[in-house]
Amino acid sequence: MYEYKFIRLELRGLIESKPKQDYHAIVEEHAKEGWRLVQVLAPPTGAYGTATHFELIFEKQI
């Protein structure tokens, strides 16, 4: 059985959207805690189907 953790990262900028936080550091920090990155989700919630945020989805075996 697994447990899951979802971390939402907001994006900034109109033409070149960039995350407001350092997602590399977030992934490395969670890996040290035993979490495994399984997916990056960028839902098309903004204008013209662009993403305004993305979510890092982690899993860890219970």
PDB file of N, CA and C in Angstrom:
ATOM      1  N   MET A   1       0.844  -1.168   0.000  1.00  0.00           N
ATOM      2  CA  MET A   1       0.000   0.000   0.000  1.00  0.00           C
ATOM      3  C   MET A   1       0.898   1.244   0.000  1.00  0.00           C
ATOM      4  N   TYR A   2       0.421   2.293  -0.619  1.00  0.00           N
ATOM      5  CA  TYR A   2       1.175   3.540  -0.750  1.00  0.00           C
ATOM      6  C   TYR A   2       0.369   4.706  -0.194  1.00  0.00           C
ATOM      7  N   GLU A   3       1.085   5.719   0.245  1.00  0.00           N
ATOM      8  CA  GLU A   3       0.445   6.995   0.560  1.00  0.00           C
ATOM      9  C   GLU A   3       0.955   8.011  -0.454  1.00  0.00           C
ATOM     10  N   TYR A   4       0.153   9.021  -0.716  1.00  0.00           N
ATOM     11  CA  TYR A   4       0.489  10.004  -1.741  1.00  0.00           C
ATOM     12  C   TYR A   4       0.512  11.403  -1.155  1.00  0.00           C
ATOM     13  N   LYS A   5       1.349  12.240  -1.745  1.00  0.00           N
ATOM     14  CA  LYS A   5       1.481  13.636  -1.328  1.00  0.00           C
ATOM     15  C   LYS A   5       1.458  14.502  -2.582  1.00  0.00           C
ATOM     16  N   PHE A   6       0.693  15.571  -2.532  1.00  0.00           N
ATOM     17  CA  PHE A   6       0.543  16.479  -3.666  1.00  0.00           C
ATOM     18  C   PHE A   6       1.054  17.860  -3.266  1.00  0.00           C
ATOM     19  N   ILE A   7       1.965  18.401  -4.049  1.00  0.00           N
ATOM     20  CA  ILE A   7       2.512  19.728  -3.775  1.00  0.00           C
ATOM     21  C   ILE A   7       2.227  20.617  -4.976  1.00  0.00           C
ATOM     22  N   ARG A   8       1.482  21.685  -4.724  1.00  0.00           N
ATOM     23  CA  ARG A   8       1.101  22.619  -5.785  1.00  0.00           C
ATOM     24  C   ARG A   8       2.130  23.747  -5.876  1.00  0.00           C
ATOM     25  N   LEU A   9       2.605  24.004  -7.086  1.00  0.00           N
ATOM     26  CA  LEU A   9       3.558  25.085  -7.339  1.00  0.00           C
ATOM     27  C   LEU A   9       2.928  26.070  -8.314  1.00  0.00           C
ATOM     28  N   GLU A  10       2.791  27.301  -7.873  1.00  0.00           N
ATOM     29  CA  GLU A  10       2.218  28.350  -8.722  1.00  0.00           C
ATOM     30  C   GLU A  10       3.244  28.783  -9.764  1.00  0.00           C
ATOM     31  N   LEU A  11       2.756  29.176 -10.921  1.00  0.00           N
ATOM     32  CA  LEU A  11       3.617  29.666 -11.993  1.00  0.00           C
ATOM     33  C   LEU A  11       3.471  31.174 -12.120  1.00  0.00           C
ATOM     34  N   ARG A  12       4.535  31.830 -12.559  1.00  0.00           N
ATOM     35  CA  ARG A  12       4.503  33.277 -12.771  1.00  0.00           C
ATOM     36  C   ARG A  12       4.945  33.562 -14.200  1.00  0.00           C
ATOM     37  N   GLY A  13       4.534  34.675 -14.703  1.00  0.00           N
ATOM     38  CA  GLY A  13       4.909  35.067 -16.069  1.00  0.00           C
ATOM     39  C   GLY A  13       3.844  34.676 -17.067  1.00  0.00           C
ATOM     40  N   LEU A  14       3.704  35.484 -18.094  1.00  0.00           N
ATOM     41  CA  LEU A  14       2.684  35.216 -19.106  1.00  0.00           C
ATOM     42  C   LEU A  14       3.233  34.423 -20.288  1.00  0.00           C
ATOM     43  N   ILE A  15       4.365  34.838 -20.803  1.00  0.00           N
ATOM     44  CA  ILE A  15       4.911  34.172 -21.984  1.00  0.00           C
ATOM     45  C   ILE A  15       5.747  32.965 -21.579  1.00  0.00           C
ATOM     46  N   GLU A  16       6.681  33.169 -20.690  1.00  0.00           N
ATOM     47  CA  GLU A  16       7.512  32.068 -20.191  1.00  0.00           C
ATOM     48  C   GLU A  16       7.148  31.824 -18.735  1.00  0.00           C
ATOM     49  N   SER A  17       6.210  30.932 -18.499  1.00  0.00           N
ATOM     50  CA  SER A  17       5.796  30.628 -17.131  1.00  0.00           C
ATOM     51  C   SER A  17       6.893  29.860 -16.413  1.00  0.00           C
ATOM     52  N   LYS A  18       7.242  30.350 -15.238  1.00  0.00           N
ATOM     53  CA  LYS A  18       8.267  29.703 -14.425  1.00  0.00           C
ATOM     54  C   LYS A  18       7.700  29.505 -13.025  1.00  0.00           C
ATOM     55  N   PRO A  19       8.078  28.417 -12.353  1.00  0.00           N
ATOM     56  CA  PRO A  19       7.582  28.207 -10.989  1.00  0.00           C
ATOM     57  C   PRO A  19       8.150  29.228 -10.021  1.00  0.00           C
ATOM     58  N   LYS A  20       7.333  29.608  -9.036  1.00  0.00           N
ATOM     59  CA  LYS A  20       7.767  30.573  -8.031  1.00  0.00           C
ATOM     60  C   LYS A  20       8.735  29.951  -7.036  1.00  0.00           C
ATOM     61  N   GLN A  21       8.722  28.618  -6.912  1.00  0.00           N
ATOM     62  CA  GLN A  21       9.593  27.920  -5.977  1.00  0.00           C
ATOM     63  C   GLN A  21      10.593  27.059  -6.742  1.00  0.00           C
ATOM     64  N   ASP A  22      11.659  26.681  -6.076  1.00  0.00           N
ATOM     65  CA  ASP A  22      12.680  25.824  -6.674  1.00  0.00           C
ATOM     66  C   ASP A  22      12.217  24.370  -6.584  1.00  0.00           C
ATOM     67  N   TYR A  23      11.656  23.864  -7.668  1.00  0.00           N
ATOM     68  CA  TYR A  23      11.110  22.504  -7.633  1.00  0.00           C
ATOM     69  C   TYR A  23      12.203  21.444  -7.544  1.00  0.00           C
ATOM     70  N   HIS A  24      13.413  21.742  -7.998  1.00  0.00           N
ATOM     71  CA  HIS A  24      14.518  20.786  -7.848  1.00  0.00           C
ATOM     72  C   HIS A  24      14.768  20.507  -6.365  1.00  0.00           C
ATOM     73  N   ALA A  25      14.812  21.555  -5.580  1.00  0.00           N
ATOM     74  CA  ALA A  25      15.048  21.410  -4.147  1.00  0.00           C
ATOM     75  C   ALA A  25      13.903  20.647  -3.479  1.00  0.00           C
ATOM     76  N   ILE A  26      12.680  20.890  -3.913  1.00  0.00           N
ATOM     77  CA  ILE A  26      11.522  20.198  -3.342  1.00  0.00           C
ATOM     78  C   ILE A  26      11.602  18.699  -3.626  1.00  0.00           C
ATOM     79  N   VAL A  27      11.953  18.331  -4.847  1.00  0.00           N
ATOM     80  CA  VAL A  27      12.070  16.914  -5.206  1.00  0.00           C
ATOM     81  C   VAL A  27      13.187  16.257  -4.412  1.00  0.00           C
ATOM     82  N   GLU A  28      14.337  16.912  -4.316  1.00  0.00           N
ATOM     83  CA  GLU A  28      15.469  16.353  -3.572  1.00  0.00           C
ATOM     84  C   GLU A  28      15.140  16.195  -2.083  1.00  0.00           C
ATOM     85  N   GLU A  29      14.473  17.171  -1.507  1.00  0.00           N
ATOM     86  CA  GLU A  29      14.103  17.115  -0.099  1.00  0.00           C
ATOM     87  C   GLU A  29      13.162  15.939   0.176  1.00  0.00           C
ATOM     88  N   HIS A  30      12.178  15.763  -0.686  1.00  0.00           N
ATOM     89  CA  HIS A  30      11.228  14.663  -0.487  1.00  0.00           C
ATOM     90  C   HIS A  30      11.872  13.300  -0.738  1.00  0.00           C
ATOM     91  N   ALA A  31      12.803  13.230  -1.670  1.00  0.00           N
ATOM     92  CA  ALA A  31      13.511  11.971  -1.926  1.00  0.00           C
ATOM     93  C   ALA A  31      14.297  11.542  -0.687  1.00  0.00           C
ATOM     94  N   LYS A  32      14.897  12.487   0.004  1.00  0.00           N
ATOM     95  CA  LYS A  32      15.636  12.172   1.232  1.00  0.00           C
ATOM     96  C   LYS A  32      14.714  11.627   2.315  1.00  0.00           C
ATOM     97  N   GLU A  33      13.430  12.011   2.253  1.00  0.00           N
ATOM     98  CA  GLU A  33      12.441  11.548   3.232  1.00  0.00           C
ATOM     99  C   GLU A  33      11.760  10.250   2.794  1.00  0.00           C
ATOM    100  N   GLY A  34      12.209   9.687   1.673  1.00  0.00           N
ATOM    101  CA  GLY A  34      11.654   8.415   1.217  1.00  0.00           C
ATOM    102  C   GLY A  34      10.519   8.518   0.216  1.00  0.00           C
ATOM    103  N   TRP A  35      10.205   9.727  -0.246  1.00  0.00           N
ATOM    104  CA  TRP A  35       9.151   9.922  -1.228  1.00  0.00           C
ATOM    105  C   TRP A  35       9.720   9.729  -2.628  1.00  0.00           C
ATOM    106  N   ARG A  36       8.893   9.222  -3.529  1.00  0.00           N
ATOM    107  CA  ARG A  36       9.287   9.022  -4.924  1.00  0.00           C
ATOM    108  C   ARG A  36       8.380   9.871  -5.809  1.00  0.00           C
ATOM    109  N   LEU A  37       8.981  10.683  -6.674  1.00  0.00           N
ATOM    110  CA  LEU A  37       8.204  11.490  -7.612  1.00  0.00           C
ATOM    111  C   LEU A  37       7.603  10.574  -8.661  1.00  0.00           C
ATOM    112  N   VAL A  38       6.275  10.600  -8.808  1.00  0.00           N
ATOM    113  CA  VAL A  38       5.627   9.725  -9.783  1.00  0.00           C
ATOM    114  C   VAL A  38       5.028  10.490 -10.960  1.00  0.00           C
ATOM    115  N   GLN A  39       4.713  11.772 -10.759  1.00  0.00           N
ATOM    116  CA  GLN A  39       4.120  12.522 -11.861  1.00  0.00           C
ATOM    117  C   GLN A  39       4.194  14.019 -11.605  1.00  0.00           C
ATOM    118  N   VAL A  40       4.285  14.774 -12.692  1.00  0.00           N
ATOM    119  CA  VAL A  40       4.143  16.225 -12.651  1.00  0.00           C
ATOM    120  C   VAL A  40       2.903  16.538 -13.477  1.00  0.00           C
ATOM    121  N   LEU A  41       1.915  17.148 -12.860  1.00  0.00           N
ATOM    122  CA  LEU A  41       0.640  17.445 -13.500  1.00  0.00           C
ATOM    123  C   LEU A  41       0.545  18.945 -13.733  1.00  0.00           C
ATOM    124  N   ALA A  42       0.273  19.350 -14.955  1.00  0.00           N
ATOM    125  CA  ALA A  42       0.104  20.768 -15.294  1.00  0.00           C
ATOM    126  C   ALA A  42      -1.266  20.944 -15.955  1.00  0.00           C
ATOM    127  N   PRO A  43      -2.318  21.118 -15.147  1.00  0.00           N
ATOM    128  CA  PRO A  43      -3.655  21.231 -15.711  1.00  0.00           C
ATOM    129  C   PRO A  43      -3.849  22.539 -16.471  1.00  0.00           C
ATOM    130  N   PRO A  44      -4.557  22.493 -17.584  1.00  0.00           N
ATOM    131  CA  PRO A  44      -4.788  23.696 -18.404  1.00  0.00           C
ATOM    132  C   PRO A  44      -5.896  24.573 -17.821  1.00  0.00           C
ATOM    133  N   THR A  45      -5.581  25.325 -16.772  1.00  0.00           N
ATOM    134  CA  THR A  45      -6.594  26.112 -16.076  1.00  0.00           C
ATOM    135  C   THR A  45      -6.559  27.597 -16.415  1.00  0.00           C
ATOM    136  N   GLY A  46      -5.560  28.034 -17.156  1.00  0.00           N
ATOM    137  CA  GLY A  46      -5.421  29.452 -17.490  1.00  0.00           C
ATOM    138  C   GLY A  46      -6.006  29.791 -18.849  1.00  0.00           C
ATOM    139  N   ALA A  47      -5.759  31.006 -19.272  1.00  0.00           N
ATOM    140  CA  ALA A  47      -6.235  31.479 -20.565  1.00  0.00           C
ATOM    141  C   ALA A  47      -5.631  30.665 -21.703  1.00  0.00           C
ATOM    142  N   TYR A  48      -6.407  30.362 -22.697  1.00  0.00           N
ATOM    143  CA  TYR A  48      -5.968  29.628 -23.883  1.00  0.00           C
ATOM    144  C   TYR A  48      -5.415  28.246 -23.551  1.00  0.00           C
ATOM    145  N   GLY A  49      -5.869  27.665 -22.442  1.00  0.00           N
ATOM    146  CA  GLY A  49      -5.451  26.324 -22.086  1.00  0.00           C
ATOM    147  C   GLY A  49      -4.065  26.213 -21.492  1.00  0.00           C
ATOM    148  N   THR A  50      -3.526  27.321 -21.007  1.00  0.00           N
ATOM    149  CA  THR A  50      -2.207  27.278 -20.387  1.00  0.00           C
ATOM    150  C   THR A  50      -2.332  26.894 -18.916  1.00  0.00           C
ATOM    151  N   ALA A  51      -1.245  26.438 -18.346  1.00  0.00           N
ATOM    152  CA  ALA A  51      -1.237  26.073 -16.937  1.00  0.00           C
ATOM    153  C   ALA A  51      -0.892  27.290 -16.081  1.00  0.00           C
ATOM    154  N   THR A  52      -1.582  27.440 -14.957  1.00  0.00           N
ATOM    155  CA  THR A  52      -1.277  28.505 -13.995  1.00  0.00           C
ATOM    156  C   THR A  52      -0.513  27.945 -12.803  1.00  0.00           C
ATOM    157  N   HIS A  53      -0.477  26.634 -12.726  1.00  0.00           N
ATOM    158  CA  HIS A  53       0.253  25.950 -11.659  1.00  0.00           C
ATOM    159  C   HIS A  53       0.554  24.535 -12.126  1.00  0.00           C
ATOM    160  N   PHE A  54       1.409  23.860 -11.375  1.00  0.00           N
ATOM    161  CA  PHE A  54       1.552  22.430 -11.593  1.00  0.00           C
ATOM    162  C   PHE A  54       1.689  21.745 -10.251  1.00  0.00           C
ATOM    163  N   GLU A  55       1.427  20.458 -10.246  1.00  0.00           N
ATOM    164  CA  GLU A  55       1.494  19.688  -9.016  1.00  0.00           C
ATOM    165  C   GLU A  55       2.532  18.596  -9.143  1.00  0.00           C
ATOM    166  N   LEU A  56       3.330  18.442  -8.099  1.00  0.00           N
ATOM    167  CA  LEU A  56       4.263  17.340  -7.997  1.00  0.00           C
ATOM    168  C   LEU A  56       3.548  16.273  -7.185  1.00  0.00           C
ATOM    169  N   ILE A  57       3.500  15.066  -7.714  1.00  0.00           N
ATOM    170  CA  ILE A  57       2.826  13.965  -7.033  1.00  0.00           C
ATOM    171  C   ILE A  57       3.867  12.958  -6.592  1.00  0.00           C
ATOM    172  N   PHE A  58       3.923  12.727  -5.294  1.00  0.00           N
ATOM    173  CA  PHE A  58       4.888  11.815  -4.685  1.00  0.00           C
ATOM    174  C   PHE A  58       4.154  10.624  -4.095  1.00  0.00           C
ATOM    175  N   GLU A  59       4.874   9.486  -4.015  1.00  0.00           N
ATOM    176  CA  GLU A  59       4.320   8.336  -3.310  1.00  0.00           C
ATOM    177  C   GLU A  59       5.383   7.752  -2.402  1.00  0.00           C
ATOM    178  N   LYS A  60       4.895   7.095  -1.341  1.00  0.00           N
ATOM    179  CA  LYS A  60       5.801   6.424  -0.402  1.00  0.00           C
ATOM    180  C   LYS A  60       5.088   5.182   0.084  1.00  0.00           C
ATOM    181  N   GLN A  61       5.818   4.083   0.138  1.00  0.00           N
ATOM    182  CA  GLN A  61       5.227   2.845   0.605  1.00  0.00           C
ATOM    183  C   GLN A  61       4.995   2.920   2.111  1.00  0.00           C
ATOM    184  N   ILE A  62       3.829   2.466   2.529  1.00  0.00           N
ATOM    185  CA  ILE A  62       3.471   2.485   3.948  1.00  0.00           C
ATOM    186  C   ILE A  62       3.978   1.211   4.608  1.00  0.00           C
TER     187      ILE A  62
END
